[in-house]
Amino acid sequence: MIRIAVISDTHDWMPPGLPARLAGADEIWHLGDVCEPHTLAELDRLGKPLHVVLGNNECHSLWPEERWLERAGRKFFLTHIPPARAPAGAEFVLHGHTHVPRDETDERGVRWLNPGCISRPRQGSRSGFAWLLLEKNQPIDWRLETL
């Protein structure tokens, strides 16, 4: 099983205890609006692969605006601002930006996932992140965690 911690919208804030909660991850995916790169220093120290996409509040271009990742035979498209339509070939679109958790499947069967945000939750949601649990030939497991 692959355990991926998915976070978004840290906006220069790493809550105390969050790195320890993510220490059991095989990988960490950040869906943008890190802001200053030093915000990720504690996550870097965990020594896990850290995949980051550029958000709309970054003042640099250290990361790509989007990433394609394949894990356990599944195709994941990572971006910060959700596109109007899923890109061709994507089984899952993971995005941040809205600060609201999301788990929806569109008419084409693409699953749209948003872990919510680390800072500044909206629409009555709470700050949090998600676990993406993957096993080959099994449905994915998406679990929201609150801070």
N, C-alpha and C. Protein backbone atom coordinates (compact mmCIF):
# COMPACT_ATOMS: atom_id res chain seq x y z
N MET A 1 0.84 -1.19 0.00
CA MET A 1 0.00 0.00 0.00
C MET A 1 0.88 1.24 0.00
N ILE A 2 0.48 2.23 -0.79
CA ILE A 2 1.17 3.52 -0.84
C ILE A 2 0.33 4.52 -0.06
N ARG A 3 0.96 5.21 0.89
CA ARG A 3 0.28 6.24 1.70
C ARG A 3 0.79 7.61 1.28
N ILE A 4 -0.10 8.41 0.72
CA ILE A 4 0.28 9.75 0.26
C ILE A 4 -0.48 10.78 1.08
N ALA A 5 0.25 11.69 1.70
CA ALA A 5 -0.38 12.81 2.41
C ALA A 5 -0.57 13.93 1.39
N VAL A 6 -1.79 14.45 1.31
CA VAL A 6 -2.10 15.50 0.34
C VAL A 6 -2.51 16.75 1.12
N ILE A 7 -1.76 17.84 0.87
CA ILE A 7 -2.04 19.10 1.57
C ILE A 7 -2.14 20.22 0.54
N SER A 8 -2.70 21.33 0.98
CA SER A 8 -2.82 22.50 0.09
C SER A 8 -2.95 23.76 0.92
N ASP A 9 -2.62 24.86 0.28
CA ASP A 9 -2.90 26.19 0.83
C ASP A 9 -2.36 26.39 2.24
N THR A 10 -1.05 26.20 2.38
CA THR A 10 -0.42 26.46 3.67
C THR A 10 -0.23 27.95 3.91
N HIS A 11 -0.07 28.74 2.86
CA HIS A 11 0.05 30.19 2.98
C HIS A 11 1.04 30.60 4.07
N ASP A 12 2.27 30.08 3.96
CA ASP A 12 3.37 30.42 4.88
C ASP A 12 3.16 29.93 6.31
N TRP A 13 2.30 28.94 6.51
CA TRP A 13 2.05 28.46 7.88
C TRP A 13 2.11 26.94 7.93
N MET A 14 2.97 26.43 8.80
CA MET A 14 3.05 25.00 9.04
C MET A 14 2.61 24.78 10.49
N PRO A 15 1.42 24.24 10.70
CA PRO A 15 0.91 24.08 12.05
C PRO A 15 1.81 23.17 12.89
N PRO A 16 1.97 23.48 14.17
CA PRO A 16 2.75 22.59 15.03
C PRO A 16 2.14 21.18 15.01
N GLY A 17 2.98 20.20 14.89
CA GLY A 17 2.52 18.82 14.91
C GLY A 17 2.16 18.25 13.55
N LEU A 18 1.97 19.10 12.53
CA LEU A 18 1.61 18.57 11.22
C LEU A 18 2.72 17.69 10.64
N PRO A 19 3.97 18.11 10.65
CA PRO A 19 5.01 17.22 10.12
C PRO A 19 5.03 15.85 10.79
N ALA A 20 4.82 15.80 12.08
CA ALA A 20 4.79 14.51 12.79
C ALA A 20 3.62 13.66 12.30
N ARG A 21 2.48 14.30 12.02
CA ARG A 21 1.31 13.54 11.53
C ARG A 21 1.55 12.99 10.13
N LEU A 22 2.42 13.65 9.36
CA LEU A 22 2.69 13.23 7.99
C LEU A 22 3.90 12.30 7.88
N ALA A 23 4.56 12.05 9.00
CA ALA A 23 5.80 11.26 8.98
C ALA A 23 5.59 9.84 8.46
N GLY A 24 4.39 9.30 8.57
CA GLY A 24 4.12 7.95 8.10
C GLY A 24 3.79 7.87 6.61
N ALA A 25 3.84 9.00 5.93
CA ALA A 25 3.53 9.02 4.50
C ALA A 25 4.70 8.46 3.70
N ASP A 26 4.38 7.82 2.59
CA ASP A 26 5.41 7.41 1.64
C ASP A 26 5.81 8.59 0.77
N GLU A 27 4.85 9.49 0.51
CA GLU A 27 5.07 10.70 -0.28
C GLU A 27 4.16 11.79 0.27
N ILE A 28 4.51 13.04 -0.05
CA ILE A 28 3.67 14.19 0.29
C ILE A 28 3.44 14.97 -0.99
N TRP A 29 2.16 15.26 -1.26
CA TRP A 29 1.79 16.08 -2.41
C TRP A 29 1.22 17.39 -1.89
N HIS A 30 1.78 18.52 -2.33
CA HIS A 30 1.28 19.84 -1.94
C HIS A 30 0.67 20.49 -3.17
N LEU A 31 -0.59 20.89 -3.07
CA LEU A 31 -1.35 21.37 -4.22
C LEU A 31 -1.35 22.89 -4.36
N GLY A 32 -0.31 23.53 -3.89
CA GLY A 32 -0.10 24.95 -4.17
C GLY A 32 -0.48 25.91 -3.08
N ASP A 33 -0.04 27.15 -3.27
CA ASP A 33 -0.11 28.23 -2.29
C ASP A 33 0.68 27.88 -1.04
N VAL A 34 1.90 27.41 -1.28
CA VAL A 34 2.88 27.28 -0.20
C VAL A 34 3.26 28.69 0.24
N CYS A 35 3.46 29.56 -0.73
CA CYS A 35 3.98 30.93 -0.64
C CYS A 35 5.50 30.86 -0.53
N GLU A 36 6.08 31.09 0.63
CA GLU A 36 7.55 31.06 0.75
C GLU A 36 8.04 29.61 0.85
N PRO A 37 9.03 29.24 0.05
CA PRO A 37 9.52 27.85 0.04
C PRO A 37 9.98 27.34 1.42
N HIS A 38 10.49 28.22 2.27
CA HIS A 38 10.97 27.77 3.59
C HIS A 38 9.84 27.18 4.44
N THR A 39 8.58 27.45 4.06
CA THR A 39 7.44 26.86 4.76
C THR A 39 7.49 25.33 4.73
N LEU A 40 8.12 24.78 3.70
CA LEU A 40 8.19 23.32 3.54
C LEU A 40 9.41 22.69 4.21
N ALA A 41 10.23 23.48 4.90
CA ALA A 41 11.48 22.96 5.47
C ALA A 41 11.26 21.76 6.39
N GLU A 42 10.25 21.82 7.24
CA GLU A 42 10.00 20.69 8.16
C GLU A 42 9.56 19.44 7.40
N LEU A 43 8.82 19.63 6.34
CA LEU A 43 8.40 18.48 5.53
C LEU A 43 9.59 17.91 4.77
N ASP A 44 10.46 18.77 4.28
CA ASP A 44 11.68 18.30 3.61
C ASP A 44 12.52 17.43 4.55
N ARG A 45 12.58 17.82 5.79
CA ARG A 45 13.38 17.07 6.78
C ARG A 45 12.84 15.66 7.03
N LEU A 46 11.59 15.42 6.68
CA LEU A 46 11.03 14.07 6.84
C LEU A 46 11.69 13.09 5.87
N GLY A 47 12.30 13.61 4.80
CA GLY A 47 12.99 12.76 3.84
C GLY A 47 12.08 11.99 2.90
N LYS A 48 10.85 12.41 2.78
CA LYS A 48 9.89 11.75 1.88
C LYS A 48 9.87 12.50 0.56
N PRO A 49 9.55 11.82 -0.54
CA PRO A 49 9.37 12.57 -1.79
C PRO A 49 8.27 13.61 -1.61
N LEU A 50 8.57 14.84 -2.00
CA LEU A 50 7.64 15.95 -1.85
C LEU A 50 7.38 16.53 -3.24
N HIS A 51 6.15 16.41 -3.71
CA HIS A 51 5.76 16.91 -5.02
C HIS A 51 4.87 18.13 -4.82
N VAL A 52 5.27 19.25 -5.39
CA VAL A 52 4.59 20.53 -5.17
C VAL A 52 4.20 21.13 -6.52
N VAL A 53 3.02 21.75 -6.56
CA VAL A 53 2.63 22.55 -7.72
C VAL A 53 2.51 24.01 -7.29
N LEU A 54 2.69 24.86 -8.26
CA LEU A 54 2.66 26.30 -8.04
C LEU A 54 1.22 26.77 -7.81
N GLY A 55 1.05 27.61 -6.81
CA GLY A 55 -0.26 28.21 -6.56
C GLY A 55 -0.33 29.61 -7.12
N ASN A 56 -1.46 30.26 -6.93
CA ASN A 56 -1.62 31.62 -7.44
C ASN A 56 -1.09 32.68 -6.49
N ASN A 57 -0.57 32.28 -5.31
CA ASN A 57 -0.01 33.24 -4.37
C ASN A 57 1.50 33.13 -4.23
N GLU A 58 2.14 32.33 -5.07
CA GLU A 58 3.60 32.24 -5.03
C GLU A 58 4.20 33.44 -5.77
N CYS A 59 5.31 33.95 -5.25
CA CYS A 59 6.03 35.06 -5.90
C CYS A 59 7.29 34.54 -6.57
N HIS A 60 7.27 33.32 -7.02
CA HIS A 60 8.41 32.67 -7.66
C HIS A 60 7.86 31.61 -8.60
N SER A 61 8.76 30.94 -9.29
CA SER A 61 8.33 29.86 -10.18
C SER A 61 9.18 28.62 -9.96
N LEU A 62 9.35 28.25 -8.69
CA LEU A 62 10.18 27.11 -8.33
C LEU A 62 9.55 25.76 -8.67
N TRP A 63 8.24 25.73 -8.80
CA TRP A 63 7.52 24.48 -9.04
C TRP A 63 6.71 24.59 -10.32
N PRO A 64 6.34 23.48 -10.90
CA PRO A 64 5.49 23.55 -12.10
C PRO A 64 4.06 23.91 -11.72
N GLU A 65 3.31 24.42 -12.69
CA GLU A 65 1.90 24.74 -12.45
C GLU A 65 1.04 23.49 -12.37
N GLU A 66 1.52 22.42 -12.96
CA GLU A 66 0.78 21.16 -12.90
C GLU A 66 1.75 20.00 -12.95
N ARG A 67 1.31 18.87 -12.45
CA ARG A 67 2.11 17.64 -12.47
C ARG A 67 1.22 16.47 -12.83
N TRP A 68 1.79 15.54 -13.56
CA TRP A 68 1.17 14.24 -13.81
C TRP A 68 1.95 13.22 -13.01
N LEU A 69 1.28 12.43 -12.21
CA LEU A 69 1.92 11.36 -11.45
C LEU A 69 1.14 10.08 -11.65
N GLU A 70 1.85 8.99 -11.77
CA GLU A 70 1.20 7.69 -11.86
C GLU A 70 1.64 6.85 -10.68
N ARG A 71 0.66 6.34 -9.94
CA ARG A 71 0.93 5.51 -8.77
C ARG A 71 -0.06 4.37 -8.79
N ALA A 72 0.41 3.17 -8.49
CA ALA A 72 -0.45 1.98 -8.42
C ALA A 72 -1.29 1.83 -9.68
N GLY A 73 -0.72 2.21 -10.82
CA GLY A 73 -1.42 2.07 -12.09
C GLY A 73 -2.50 3.10 -12.35
N ARG A 74 -2.59 4.15 -11.51
CA ARG A 74 -3.61 5.20 -11.67
C ARG A 74 -2.94 6.50 -12.08
N LYS A 75 -3.66 7.33 -12.86
CA LYS A 75 -3.11 8.58 -13.38
C LYS A 75 -3.73 9.78 -12.64
N PHE A 76 -2.85 10.55 -12.02
CA PHE A 76 -3.24 11.70 -11.21
C PHE A 76 -2.74 12.99 -11.85
N PHE A 77 -3.64 13.96 -11.98
CA PHE A 77 -3.29 15.29 -12.45
C PHE A 77 -3.36 16.23 -11.26
N LEU A 78 -2.24 16.88 -10.92
CA LEU A 78 -2.17 17.79 -9.79
C LEU A 78 -2.05 19.22 -10.28
N THR A 79 -2.86 20.10 -9.73
CA THR A 79 -2.83 21.52 -10.08
C THR A 79 -3.37 22.30 -8.89
N HIS A 80 -3.21 23.60 -8.92
CA HIS A 80 -3.75 24.40 -7.81
C HIS A 80 -5.19 24.83 -8.10
N ILE A 81 -5.38 25.55 -9.20
CA ILE A 81 -6.72 26.03 -9.55
C ILE A 81 -7.39 24.95 -10.41
N PRO A 82 -8.57 24.49 -10.02
CA PRO A 82 -9.21 23.42 -10.80
C PRO A 82 -9.54 23.87 -12.21
N PRO A 83 -9.19 23.06 -13.20
CA PRO A 83 -9.54 23.41 -14.58
C PRO A 83 -11.04 23.22 -14.82
N ALA A 84 -11.54 23.81 -15.88
CA ALA A 84 -12.96 23.67 -16.22
C ALA A 84 -13.30 22.22 -16.55
N ARG A 85 -12.35 21.51 -17.19
CA ARG A 85 -12.54 20.10 -17.54
C ARG A 85 -11.27 19.34 -17.18
N ALA A 86 -11.44 18.09 -16.87
CA ALA A 86 -10.28 17.25 -16.59
C ALA A 86 -9.46 17.06 -17.86
N PRO A 87 -8.14 17.11 -17.76
CA PRO A 87 -7.32 16.85 -18.95
C PRO A 87 -7.50 15.41 -19.43
N ALA A 88 -7.38 15.21 -20.72
CA ALA A 88 -7.50 13.87 -21.31
C ALA A 88 -6.50 12.93 -20.64
N GLY A 89 -6.97 11.77 -20.25
CA GLY A 89 -6.10 10.77 -19.64
C GLY A 89 -6.10 10.78 -18.13
N ALA A 90 -6.63 11.83 -17.52
CA ALA A 90 -6.64 11.90 -16.06
C ALA A 90 -7.75 11.02 -15.49
N GLU A 91 -7.41 10.23 -14.50
CA GLU A 91 -8.42 9.48 -13.76
C GLU A 91 -8.83 10.25 -12.51
N PHE A 92 -7.87 11.04 -12.01
CA PHE A 92 -8.09 11.83 -10.79
C PHE A 92 -7.51 13.22 -11.00
N VAL A 93 -8.26 14.25 -10.62
CA VAL A 93 -7.76 15.62 -10.61
C VAL A 93 -7.70 16.04 -9.16
N LEU A 94 -6.50 16.37 -8.70
CA LEU A 94 -6.31 16.87 -7.34
C LEU A 94 -5.98 18.34 -7.41
N HIS A 95 -6.70 19.15 -6.65
CA HIS A 95 -6.49 20.60 -6.68
C HIS A 95 -6.70 21.19 -5.29
N GLY A 96 -6.23 22.41 -5.16
CA GLY A 96 -6.44 23.19 -3.94
C GLY A 96 -7.29 24.39 -4.31
N HIS A 97 -6.85 25.57 -3.82
CA HIS A 97 -7.36 26.88 -4.19
C HIS A 97 -8.68 27.27 -3.53
N THR A 98 -9.64 26.39 -3.45
CA THR A 98 -10.96 26.77 -2.93
C THR A 98 -11.02 26.79 -1.41
N HIS A 99 -10.06 26.14 -0.75
CA HIS A 99 -10.03 26.01 0.71
C HIS A 99 -11.20 25.20 1.24
N VAL A 100 -11.83 24.42 0.38
CA VAL A 100 -12.97 23.59 0.77
C VAL A 100 -12.73 22.17 0.27
N PRO A 101 -12.86 21.15 1.14
CA PRO A 101 -12.67 19.77 0.69
C PRO A 101 -13.65 19.39 -0.42
N ARG A 102 -13.18 18.48 -1.27
CA ARG A 102 -14.01 18.03 -2.40
C ARG A 102 -13.74 16.57 -2.70
N ASP A 103 -14.79 15.85 -3.00
CA ASP A 103 -14.69 14.47 -3.49
C ASP A 103 -15.91 14.25 -4.38
N GLU A 104 -15.73 14.47 -5.68
CA GLU A 104 -16.81 14.36 -6.65
C GLU A 104 -16.33 13.59 -7.86
N THR A 105 -17.24 12.91 -8.51
CA THR A 105 -16.93 12.23 -9.76
C THR A 105 -17.76 12.88 -10.87
N ASP A 106 -17.09 13.28 -11.95
CA ASP A 106 -17.80 13.96 -13.03
C ASP A 106 -18.44 12.97 -13.99
N GLU A 107 -19.12 13.51 -15.02
CA GLU A 107 -19.87 12.68 -15.97
C GLU A 107 -18.96 11.76 -16.79
N ARG A 108 -17.66 12.06 -16.85
CA ARG A 108 -16.71 11.21 -17.58
C ARG A 108 -16.06 10.17 -16.67
N GLY A 109 -16.42 10.17 -15.39
CA GLY A 109 -15.85 9.20 -14.46
C GLY A 109 -14.56 9.65 -13.80
N VAL A 110 -14.16 10.91 -14.02
CA VAL A 110 -12.95 11.46 -13.38
C VAL A 110 -13.31 11.90 -11.96
N ARG A 111 -12.51 11.50 -11.02
CA ARG A 111 -12.75 11.87 -9.62
C ARG A 111 -11.94 13.12 -9.28
N TRP A 112 -12.62 14.12 -8.75
CA TRP A 112 -12.03 15.41 -8.38
C TRP A 112 -11.87 15.44 -6.86
N LEU A 113 -10.63 15.68 -6.41
CA LEU A 113 -10.32 15.63 -4.99
C LEU A 113 -9.61 16.91 -4.54
N ASN A 114 -10.03 17.43 -3.42
CA ASN A 114 -9.39 18.59 -2.80
C ASN A 114 -9.30 18.29 -1.31
N PRO A 115 -8.10 18.39 -0.72
CA PRO A 115 -7.96 18.08 0.70
C PRO A 115 -8.44 19.20 1.63
N GLY A 116 -8.91 20.30 1.06
CA GLY A 116 -9.23 21.46 1.88
C GLY A 116 -7.97 22.29 2.01
N CYS A 117 -7.76 22.89 3.15
CA CYS A 117 -6.59 23.76 3.30
C CYS A 117 -5.98 23.62 4.69
N ILE A 118 -4.74 24.01 4.76
CA ILE A 118 -4.05 24.04 6.05
C ILE A 118 -4.41 25.33 6.78
N SER A 119 -4.48 26.44 6.04
CA SER A 119 -4.81 27.73 6.66
C SER A 119 -6.05 28.32 6.01
N ARG A 120 -6.80 29.07 6.77
CA ARG A 120 -7.96 29.83 6.29
C ARG A 120 -9.07 29.00 5.64
N PRO A 121 -9.69 28.08 6.37
CA PRO A 121 -10.79 27.29 5.79
C PRO A 121 -11.98 28.19 5.45
N ARG A 122 -12.79 27.71 4.50
CA ARG A 122 -13.97 28.46 4.04
C ARG A 122 -15.21 27.58 4.10
N GLN A 123 -16.36 28.22 3.99
CA GLN A 123 -17.67 27.57 3.89
C GLN A 123 -17.91 26.55 5.00
N GLY A 124 -17.53 26.91 6.22
CA GLY A 124 -17.80 26.05 7.36
C GLY A 124 -16.90 24.84 7.48
N SER A 125 -15.92 24.69 6.58
CA SER A 125 -15.01 23.55 6.69
C SER A 125 -13.94 23.86 7.75
N ARG A 126 -13.19 22.84 8.11
CA ARG A 126 -12.11 23.01 9.07
C ARG A 126 -10.77 22.80 8.37
N SER A 127 -9.72 23.37 8.94
CA SER A 127 -8.38 23.16 8.39
C SER A 127 -8.06 21.69 8.41
N GLY A 128 -7.37 21.22 7.36
CA GLY A 128 -7.02 19.82 7.34
C GLY A 128 -6.23 19.42 6.11
N PHE A 129 -6.09 18.13 5.96
CA PHE A 129 -5.37 17.53 4.84
C PHE A 129 -6.04 16.20 4.54
N ALA A 130 -5.47 15.43 3.62
CA ALA A 130 -6.07 14.14 3.27
C ALA A 130 -4.99 13.08 3.15
N TRP A 131 -5.43 11.85 3.35
CA TRP A 131 -4.62 10.67 3.06
C TRP A 131 -5.18 10.03 1.80
N LEU A 132 -4.31 9.76 0.87
CA LEU A 132 -4.64 9.03 -0.34
C LEU A 132 -3.94 7.67 -0.22
N LEU A 133 -4.73 6.62 -0.09
CA LEU A 133 -4.19 5.28 0.11
C LEU A 133 -4.41 4.47 -1.17
N LEU A 134 -3.33 3.92 -1.69
CA LEU A 134 -3.39 3.25 -2.98
C LEU A 134 -2.85 1.83 -2.92
N GLU A 135 -3.58 0.95 -3.57
CA GLU A 135 -3.13 -0.43 -3.78
C GLU A 135 -3.49 -0.79 -5.20
N LYS A 136 -2.59 -1.45 -5.88
CA LYS A 136 -2.84 -1.84 -7.28
C LYS A 136 -4.10 -2.68 -7.36
N ASN A 137 -4.92 -2.41 -8.36
CA ASN A 137 -6.17 -3.13 -8.63
C ASN A 137 -7.23 -2.98 -7.53
N GLN A 138 -7.11 -1.95 -6.72
CA GLN A 138 -8.10 -1.67 -5.66
C GLN A 138 -8.60 -0.24 -5.82
N PRO A 139 -9.84 0.04 -5.40
CA PRO A 139 -10.30 1.44 -5.41
C PRO A 139 -9.42 2.27 -4.49
N ILE A 140 -9.26 3.55 -4.84
CA ILE A 140 -8.46 4.40 -3.96
C ILE A 140 -9.24 4.69 -2.68
N ASP A 141 -8.51 4.99 -1.64
CA ASP A 141 -9.11 5.35 -0.35
C ASP A 141 -8.70 6.80 -0.07
N TRP A 142 -9.66 7.71 0.04
CA TRP A 142 -9.44 9.14 0.28
C TRP A 142 -10.00 9.47 1.65
N ARG A 143 -9.15 9.87 2.58
CA ARG A 143 -9.58 10.14 3.95
C ARG A 143 -9.18 11.55 4.37
N LEU A 144 -10.15 12.35 4.72
CA LEU A 144 -9.88 13.71 5.22
C LEU A 144 -9.52 13.66 6.70
N GLU A 145 -8.56 14.48 7.07
CA GLU A 145 -8.14 14.61 8.47
C GLU A 145 -8.22 16.08 8.86
N THR A 146 -8.78 16.37 10.01
CA THR A 146 -8.81 17.77 10.47
C THR A 146 -7.62 18.04 11.38
N LEU A 147 -7.25 19.30 11.43
CA LEU A 147 -6.13 19.71 12.31
C LEU A 147 -6.65 20.06 13.67
